[in-house]
Amino acid sequence: MERFWTVAQVIAPIFAAIFLGMLAKRKQLLTPAENQGLQKFVMNFGLPCVVFNSCLTAQMGVESLSSMALALPLVVIGTFWAFRARKKQFPYHNLPQLFTAQETGMLGIPLYMILFGVDQAYRMGVLDLTQAVTAYPVIAILSADAGENPSVGKIVKKVLTSPLLIMSMLGLALNLSGIGKWLDAVGIGGVITESTSFLGQPISAMMIFSVGYNFSLTKGNRDVIVKISLIHFLLFAVGGILIQLALCLIPNVDMLTRWALLLYCTLPASYLAPSLGRSQEDFTVASGVCSILTVVSIAVFCCIAAIVA
């Protein structure tokens, strides 16, 4: 019973934020323009701060690198497929973000901590960092407003000047150079991380709220939302099976690493995806996919929790 309430503490806020977003739209408490204003804060201020802290404090180990190497091909394949499908089958601007990253930060890490404790959270954390290879450039590309028919040079300039990319590179540079540890030693590091953490605190609620605000499952979009959700689920389910088979070839793999990779493959698409839309249809489809996959993910998590218990 105690485990049930612990699980509820993580799941309930997510569904509460989705419900409040739906309520705000139904009661017209926020206009679409005001909701987009919240999304701009996330993209330009909150998320860059979160990414900076993640890159600054990341710790690497041999088994962590193995997990990253196994997970990376999966998101790379999904990203390439999504860009191709956006041209031919699903013409939604933010479609790639639904396949370039799993929602490890707001859902995966908390759920994993429930099962195996805070001290093991890094096993999911390194998988979250793995996604940076595909997610950060894709976010920068999708959020770059380069106008109609932009040149390659203009797109590259927009990507390179993206707050998200700049902050992620800065965090990695401070981490790998050792400057980050020196800043901690002199007391400046704590001030920097606390300041950026403060700016990043509201983005979880804002992103999930936006998912609920844009959620709409009607006859007009139901089929495409279900179809994209099914493709996402099957891609990561097959990938998850192959990863587990690959782990059998690696000696002395910790079972906690296996569980981390299994849970990772069952997570929903990034809750950031709706925020990267350019039209109401983009917002609605991405929100519907995120919502459906969240329900599926939580159902699978309950099965995993029962097995682990």
Protein backbone atom coordinates (compact mmCIF):
# COMPACT_ATOMS: atom_id res chain seq x y z
CA MET A 1 0.00 0.00 0.00
CA GLU A 2 2.87 2.33 0.78
CA ARG A 3 4.32 1.76 -2.71
CA PHE A 4 0.91 2.61 -4.23
CA TRP A 5 0.84 6.02 -2.58
CA THR A 6 4.46 6.65 -3.57
CA VAL A 7 3.57 5.94 -7.20
CA ALA A 8 0.51 8.17 -6.91
CA GLN A 9 2.67 11.06 -5.71
CA VAL A 10 4.51 11.03 -9.04
CA ILE A 11 1.60 10.29 -11.36
CA ALA A 12 -1.09 12.52 -9.82
CA PRO A 13 0.67 15.88 -10.50
CA ILE A 14 1.12 14.96 -14.18
CA PHE A 15 -2.57 14.20 -14.70
CA ALA A 16 -3.53 17.22 -12.58
CA ALA A 17 -1.51 19.53 -14.86
CA ILE A 18 -3.02 17.95 -17.99
CA PHE A 19 -6.54 18.33 -16.53
CA LEU A 20 -5.94 21.97 -15.59
CA GLY A 21 -4.72 22.68 -19.12
CA MET A 22 -7.87 21.13 -20.57
CA LEU A 23 -10.00 23.09 -18.10
CA ALA A 24 -8.26 26.37 -18.93
CA LYS A 25 -9.06 25.88 -22.62
CA ARG A 26 -12.66 24.79 -22.03
CA LYS A 27 -13.36 27.72 -19.68
CA GLN A 28 -11.33 30.13 -21.86
CA LEU A 29 -9.16 31.07 -18.88
CA LEU A 30 -6.20 31.40 -21.25
CA THR A 31 -6.20 32.33 -24.92
CA PRO A 32 -4.07 30.35 -27.41
CA ALA A 33 -1.74 33.37 -27.61
CA GLU A 34 -1.27 33.41 -23.84
CA ASN A 35 -0.55 29.68 -23.83
CA GLN A 36 2.05 30.20 -26.54
CA GLY A 37 3.60 32.89 -24.31
CA LEU A 38 4.14 30.23 -21.64
CA GLN A 39 5.72 28.00 -24.24
CA LYS A 40 8.11 30.78 -25.31
CA PHE A 41 9.29 31.16 -21.72
CA VAL A 42 10.00 27.43 -21.64
CA MET A 43 11.95 27.51 -24.90
CA ASN A 44 13.94 30.72 -24.37
CA PHE A 45 14.61 30.70 -20.63
CA GLY A 46 13.49 27.69 -18.58
CA LEU A 47 14.64 24.77 -20.75
CA PRO A 48 18.10 26.26 -21.55
CA CYS A 49 18.72 26.54 -17.80
CA VAL A 50 17.67 22.92 -17.21
CA VAL A 51 19.90 21.72 -20.05
CA PHE A 52 22.83 23.76 -18.71
CA ASN A 53 22.58 22.13 -15.26
CA SER A 54 22.23 18.66 -16.77
CA CYS A 55 25.35 19.07 -18.90
CA LEU A 56 27.31 20.73 -16.08
CA THR A 57 26.68 18.00 -13.49
CA ALA A 58 26.66 14.88 -15.71
CA GLN A 59 28.85 11.99 -14.52
CA MET A 60 30.15 9.28 -16.82
CA GLY A 61 31.12 5.65 -16.13
CA VAL A 62 31.83 2.53 -18.21
CA GLU A 63 28.37 0.99 -17.74
CA SER A 64 26.74 4.38 -18.26
CA LEU A 65 28.55 4.75 -21.57
CA SER A 66 27.35 1.26 -22.60
CA SER A 67 23.75 2.25 -21.86
CA MET A 68 24.14 5.44 -23.86
CA ALA A 69 25.65 3.56 -26.81
CA LEU A 70 22.69 1.16 -26.90
CA ALA A 71 19.99 3.81 -26.57
CA LEU A 72 21.44 6.32 -29.03
CA PRO A 73 20.77 4.36 -32.27
CA LEU A 74 17.11 4.08 -31.31
CA VAL A 75 16.52 7.83 -31.07
CA VAL A 76 18.65 8.48 -34.15
CA ILE A 77 16.55 6.05 -36.21
CA GLY A 78 13.35 7.59 -34.87
CA THR A 79 14.57 11.10 -35.69
CA PHE A 80 15.51 10.28 -39.28
CA TRP A 81 12.21 8.47 -39.83
CA ALA A 82 10.22 11.40 -38.45
CA PHE A 83 11.90 13.95 -40.72
CA ARG A 84 11.15 11.79 -43.74
CA ALA A 85 7.59 11.07 -42.61
CA ARG A 86 6.99 14.79 -42.08
CA LYS A 87 7.54 15.37 -45.80
CA LYS A 88 5.49 12.47 -47.08
CA GLN A 89 2.97 11.12 -44.56
CA PHE A 90 2.55 13.30 -41.46
CA PRO A 91 3.04 17.00 -42.35
CA TYR A 92 3.40 18.29 -38.78
CA HIS A 93 6.24 20.70 -38.03
CA ASN A 94 6.99 19.24 -34.58
CA LEU A 95 6.72 15.54 -35.55
CA PRO A 96 10.49 14.87 -35.15
CA GLN A 97 10.41 15.89 -31.49
CA LEU A 98 7.96 13.06 -30.80
CA PHE A 99 10.66 10.56 -31.82
CA THR A 100 13.93 12.26 -30.91
CA ALA A 101 13.47 12.07 -27.13
CA GLN A 102 11.61 10.16 -24.44
CA GLU A 103 10.20 11.97 -21.39
CA THR A 104 12.90 10.83 -18.98
CA GLY A 105 13.18 14.07 -17.00
CA MET A 106 9.62 14.56 -15.81
CA LEU A 107 8.47 10.94 -15.82
CA GLY A 108 11.25 8.40 -16.34
CA ILE A 109 13.63 9.48 -13.58
CA PRO A 110 10.91 9.92 -10.90
CA LEU A 111 9.37 6.54 -11.73
CA TYR A 112 12.77 4.82 -11.65
CA MET A 113 13.56 6.41 -8.29
CA ILE A 114 10.33 4.96 -6.88
CA LEU A 115 11.45 1.47 -7.83
CA PHE A 116 15.16 1.57 -7.03
CA GLY A 117 15.91 4.64 -4.92
CA VAL A 118 17.42 8.09 -5.34
CA ASP A 119 21.00 6.80 -5.41
CA GLN A 120 20.25 4.85 -8.62
CA ALA A 121 18.64 7.75 -10.49
CA TYR A 122 21.83 8.37 -12.46
CA ARG A 123 21.10 5.22 -14.52
CA MET A 124 18.12 7.02 -16.07
CA GLY A 125 19.95 10.33 -15.99
CA VAL A 126 22.61 9.14 -18.44
CA LEU A 127 19.87 8.01 -20.83
CA ASP A 128 18.34 11.47 -20.59
CA LEU A 129 21.76 12.91 -21.47
CA THR A 130 22.05 10.50 -24.42
CA GLN A 131 19.08 12.18 -26.04
CA ALA A 132 20.96 15.47 -26.14
CA VAL A 133 22.78 14.24 -29.26
CA THR A 134 19.54 14.25 -31.22
CA ALA A 135 17.10 16.31 -29.14
CA TYR A 136 19.01 19.56 -28.71
CA PRO A 137 19.86 20.09 -32.39
CA VAL A 138 16.33 19.09 -33.43
CA ILE A 139 14.77 21.45 -30.89
CA ALA A 140 17.01 24.23 -32.16
CA ILE A 141 16.02 23.50 -35.77
CA LEU A 142 12.29 23.27 -35.06
CA SER A 143 12.24 26.41 -32.92
CA ALA A 144 14.30 28.50 -35.37
CA ASP A 145 12.07 31.08 -37.06
CA ALA A 146 14.02 31.52 -40.28
CA GLY A 147 11.11 32.89 -42.34
CA GLU A 148 9.71 31.59 -45.61
CA ASN A 149 12.06 29.51 -47.80
CA PRO A 150 15.17 30.23 -45.68
CA SER A 151 18.66 29.64 -46.99
CA VAL A 152 20.87 26.92 -45.48
CA GLY A 153 23.12 29.59 -43.99
CA LYS A 154 20.20 31.32 -42.29
CA ILE A 155 18.98 28.06 -40.75
CA VAL A 156 22.49 27.20 -39.49
CA LYS A 157 22.82 30.67 -37.96
CA LYS A 158 19.49 30.31 -36.16
CA VAL A 159 20.46 26.90 -34.82
CA LEU A 160 23.90 28.00 -33.63
CA THR A 161 22.45 31.02 -31.83
CA SER A 162 19.71 29.01 -30.13
CA PRO A 163 19.70 29.57 -26.32
CA LEU A 164 19.27 25.82 -25.87
CA LEU A 165 22.36 24.92 -27.91
CA ILE A 166 24.47 27.70 -26.39
CA MET A 167 23.63 26.70 -22.81
CA SER A 168 24.17 22.98 -23.44
CA MET A 169 27.59 23.58 -25.00
CA LEU A 170 28.53 25.94 -22.17
CA GLY A 171 27.56 23.35 -19.55
CA LEU A 172 29.55 20.60 -21.27
CA ALA A 173 32.57 22.88 -21.69
CA LEU A 174 32.60 23.76 -17.98
CA ASN A 175 32.11 20.10 -17.04
CA LEU A 176 34.76 18.51 -19.26
CA SER A 177 37.35 21.24 -18.73
CA GLY A 178 37.17 20.93 -14.94
CA ILE A 179 36.18 24.57 -14.57
CA GLY A 180 32.84 23.49 -13.11
CA LYS A 181 34.57 21.71 -10.21
CA TRP A 182 36.79 24.74 -9.62
CA LEU A 183 33.71 26.99 -9.49
CA ASP A 184 32.20 24.63 -6.91
CA ALA A 185 35.38 24.72 -4.85
CA VAL A 186 35.37 28.54 -4.63
CA GLY A 187 31.61 28.67 -3.93
CA ILE A 188 30.50 30.19 -7.23
CA GLY A 189 29.22 26.92 -8.68
CA GLY A 190 26.42 26.62 -6.15
CA VAL A 191 25.20 30.14 -6.91
CA ILE A 192 25.11 29.39 -10.64
CA THR A 193 23.31 26.05 -10.35
CA GLU A 194 20.78 27.35 -7.84
CA SER A 195 19.99 30.35 -10.05
CA THR A 196 19.52 28.24 -13.18
CA SER A 197 17.53 25.63 -11.20
CA PHE A 198 15.20 28.36 -9.96
CA LEU A 199 14.48 29.52 -13.52
CA GLY A 200 13.91 25.92 -14.62
CA GLN A 201 11.50 24.95 -11.83
CA PRO A 202 8.22 26.01 -13.48
CA ILE A 203 8.83 24.46 -16.88
CA SER A 204 7.63 20.95 -15.94
CA ALA A 205 4.20 22.25 -14.96
CA MET A 206 4.08 24.61 -17.97
CA MET A 207 4.94 21.91 -20.49
CA ILE A 208 2.44 19.36 -19.14
CA PHE A 209 -0.20 22.10 -18.75
CA SER A 210 0.32 22.93 -22.41
CA VAL A 211 -0.15 19.27 -23.35
CA GLY A 212 -3.56 19.36 -21.66
CA TYR A 213 -4.46 22.76 -23.14
CA ASN A 214 -3.80 21.57 -26.69
CA PHE A 215 -5.27 18.07 -26.24
CA SER A 216 -8.21 17.30 -28.50
CA LEU A 217 -9.26 13.89 -29.75
CA THR A 218 -11.95 14.26 -32.40
CA LYS A 219 -13.07 12.31 -35.43
CA GLY A 220 -10.93 14.61 -37.54
CA ASN A 221 -7.62 13.89 -35.79
CA ARG A 222 -8.24 10.70 -33.82
CA ASP A 223 -6.93 8.33 -36.51
CA VAL A 224 -3.67 10.19 -37.08
CA ILE A 225 -3.01 10.58 -33.33
CA VAL A 226 -3.57 6.87 -32.74
CA LYS A 227 -1.44 5.97 -35.76
CA ILE A 228 1.54 8.10 -34.67
CA SER A 229 1.20 6.80 -31.10
CA LEU A 230 1.23 3.21 -32.36
CA ILE A 231 4.30 3.82 -34.54
CA HIS A 232 6.13 5.38 -31.58
CA PHE A 233 5.17 2.52 -29.26
CA LEU A 234 6.20 -0.20 -31.74
CA LEU A 235 9.49 1.51 -32.62
CA PHE A 236 10.62 1.74 -29.00
CA ALA A 237 9.14 -1.65 -28.06
CA VAL A 238 11.12 -3.43 -30.80
CA GLY A 239 14.16 -1.31 -29.95
CA GLY A 240 13.78 -2.23 -26.28
CA ILE A 241 13.75 -5.96 -27.10
CA LEU A 242 16.87 -5.63 -29.24
CA ILE A 243 18.64 -3.67 -26.49
CA GLN A 244 17.85 -6.37 -23.94
CA LEU A 245 19.24 -9.00 -26.31
CA ALA A 246 22.39 -6.91 -26.85
CA LEU A 247 22.86 -6.66 -23.08
CA CYS A 248 23.15 -10.45 -22.97
CA LEU A 249 26.41 -10.10 -24.93
CA ILE A 250 27.90 -7.71 -22.36
CA PRO A 251 29.37 -9.45 -19.28
CA ASN A 252 28.33 -8.54 -15.74
CA VAL A 253 25.58 -6.08 -16.64
CA ASP A 254 23.77 -4.86 -13.52
CA MET A 255 20.06 -5.73 -13.49
CA LEU A 256 19.33 -2.12 -12.52
CA THR A 257 20.80 -1.03 -15.85
CA ARG A 258 18.52 -3.50 -17.64
CA TRP A 259 15.48 -2.10 -15.82
CA ALA A 260 16.53 1.47 -16.65
CA LEU A 261 16.75 0.71 -20.37
CA LEU A 262 13.46 -1.22 -20.29
CA LEU A 263 11.63 1.63 -18.56
CA TYR A 264 13.22 4.15 -20.93
CA CYS A 265 11.76 2.38 -23.97
CA THR A 266 8.24 2.47 -22.48
CA LEU A 267 8.22 6.23 -21.77
CA PRO A 268 6.04 8.70 -23.70
CA ALA A 269 7.42 11.14 -26.24
CA SER A 270 8.89 14.39 -24.96
CA TYR A 271 6.28 16.71 -23.43
CA LEU A 272 8.14 19.53 -25.16
CA ALA A 273 6.85 18.42 -28.58
CA PRO A 274 3.55 20.41 -28.50
CA SER A 275 5.47 23.60 -27.67
CA LEU A 276 7.44 23.28 -30.92
CA GLY A 277 4.35 23.35 -33.15
CA ARG A 278 3.67 26.11 -35.65
CA SER A 279 -0.08 25.62 -36.00
CA GLN A 280 -3.00 24.57 -33.85
CA GLU A 281 -3.04 21.23 -35.64
CA ASP A 282 0.63 20.71 -34.72
CA PHE A 283 -0.16 21.47 -31.07
CA THR A 284 -3.22 19.23 -30.99
CA VAL A 285 -1.69 16.17 -32.64
CA ALA A 286 1.47 16.27 -30.51
CA SER A 287 -0.53 16.76 -27.31
CA GLY A 288 -2.79 13.84 -28.19
CA VAL A 289 0.19 11.56 -28.85
CA CYS A 290 1.90 12.58 -25.58
CA SER A 291 -1.30 12.00 -23.60
CA ILE A 292 -2.00 8.54 -25.06
CA LEU A 293 1.60 7.41 -24.61
CA THR A 294 1.61 8.67 -21.01
CA VAL A 295 -1.34 6.43 -20.16
CA VAL A 296 0.37 3.46 -21.84
CA SER A 297 3.66 4.20 -20.06
CA ILE A 298 2.06 4.36 -16.63
CA ALA A 299 0.22 1.09 -17.27
CA VAL A 300 3.52 -0.61 -18.19
CA PHE A 301 5.22 0.94 -15.15
CA CYS A 302 2.59 -0.56 -12.85
CA CYS A 303 3.38 -4.00 -14.34
CA ILE A 304 7.12 -3.44 -13.80
CA ALA A 305 6.49 -2.29 -10.23
CA ALA A 306 4.49 -5.43 -9.53
CA ILE A 307 7.33 -7.62 -10.87
CA VAL A 308 10.03 -5.76 -8.95
CA ALA A 309 8.01 -5.84 -5.75
